[in-house]
Amino acid sequence: DLEWISKVRVNTQAVLKRAQHIQGQKIPKKQWQAAWLLKAVTCIDLTTLAGDDTPSNVHRLCLKAIQPVRYDLLKKIDMHDKGVTTAAVCVYPSRVADAFKSLKAANSSIPVASVATGFPAGQTPLETRLQEVRMAVADGATEIDIVINRMLALTGQWEAMYDEIRQFREACGDAHMKTILAIGELGTFTNVYKASLLAMMAGSDFIKTSTGKEAVNATYPVAIVMVRAIRDYYLCTGHKVGFKPAGGIRTAQEALVWLTLIKEELGNDWLCPVLFRLGASSLLADIERQIYHHVTSQYPAYHELPMA
């Protein structure tokens, strides 16, 4: 619907004011905070996207995803048998087979997510990007995080961008498709809103803020714009699309703000792994530290907690 997209205008000051309000909200304490943090754990896409990824550190990541918080800590708060795992493991396409093998060997149903389509820049030829999606799916990925071609968004070629995303959607087959907007490179809130709408129209199951490789990644004002687009799209079509902030989310405190934002803007229906994910690599370590503190009233040294 190009007419809908062409009419979009975003009130920047209103967005900034709303984001400031969300950040100023009181966060829960004590057992309520522990409960919210465990909810955050179940929404994490535990990620490694480093140049030195190896089968062994992917294997370690998978084991951490299966047991994200130390068993003895969960037992103290009676959560050891509630199936607390991360939502997915996210890796490069070349490491999908390693992750799939590790999770299968551990008899785990945690999905493998893979970035694709020339991540993070999306500047490789279209056929190469499509082939990357197909290969990741063939190796066992059931979730694909694609990146949009920012050039098409910045030059207003919305129809061409729609056609590309549709082709990625077909290449994904039954796999869930998360579309990364790389908001730090889109220039304006209006472009972010337009790209969000377009990605949803093209069949995205999720829209995601960033690759984590841009100078600006997940910020609360941009999240407001994206979740408002999700809400408008839902009110118009009845179809619920998920949201995934990623990049620079490192502390338990930030995770609580993100959960608050989703609860206030989209409601409780979105507070689950089916519709909300946190893309993170170091966030889990801080959440586990806070759970440790809740149970023992003291903070652990980092070597006391298993690495991700």
Foldseek 3Di string as FASTA:
>chain_A
DVVVLVPFDDDLVVLVVVLVVLLPDDFDDFPVLLVLLLLQQQFAQAEDEDPPDDLVVLLLSLVCQQVVADLVLCVLVVNNPVRRGYQAYEYALVCLLSNVVSCVVVVHPRAYEYEFCPPPQNPDDLVRRLVSLLSSVVSGHQEYEYEFNLVCLQVVVLVVRLVSLLSSVVSSPNHAYEYEDQQLSNPDLSSLLSVLLSNVVSPHQEYEHRSLPDPDFDDSSSVLSNLVSQVVVCVVPVDHHAYEGEHPQAASSVSSSVLSSCCVRPNPVCSGNSRYHYYDHRHSLRSNQVSVCSSPVDGDDSVVTRHD
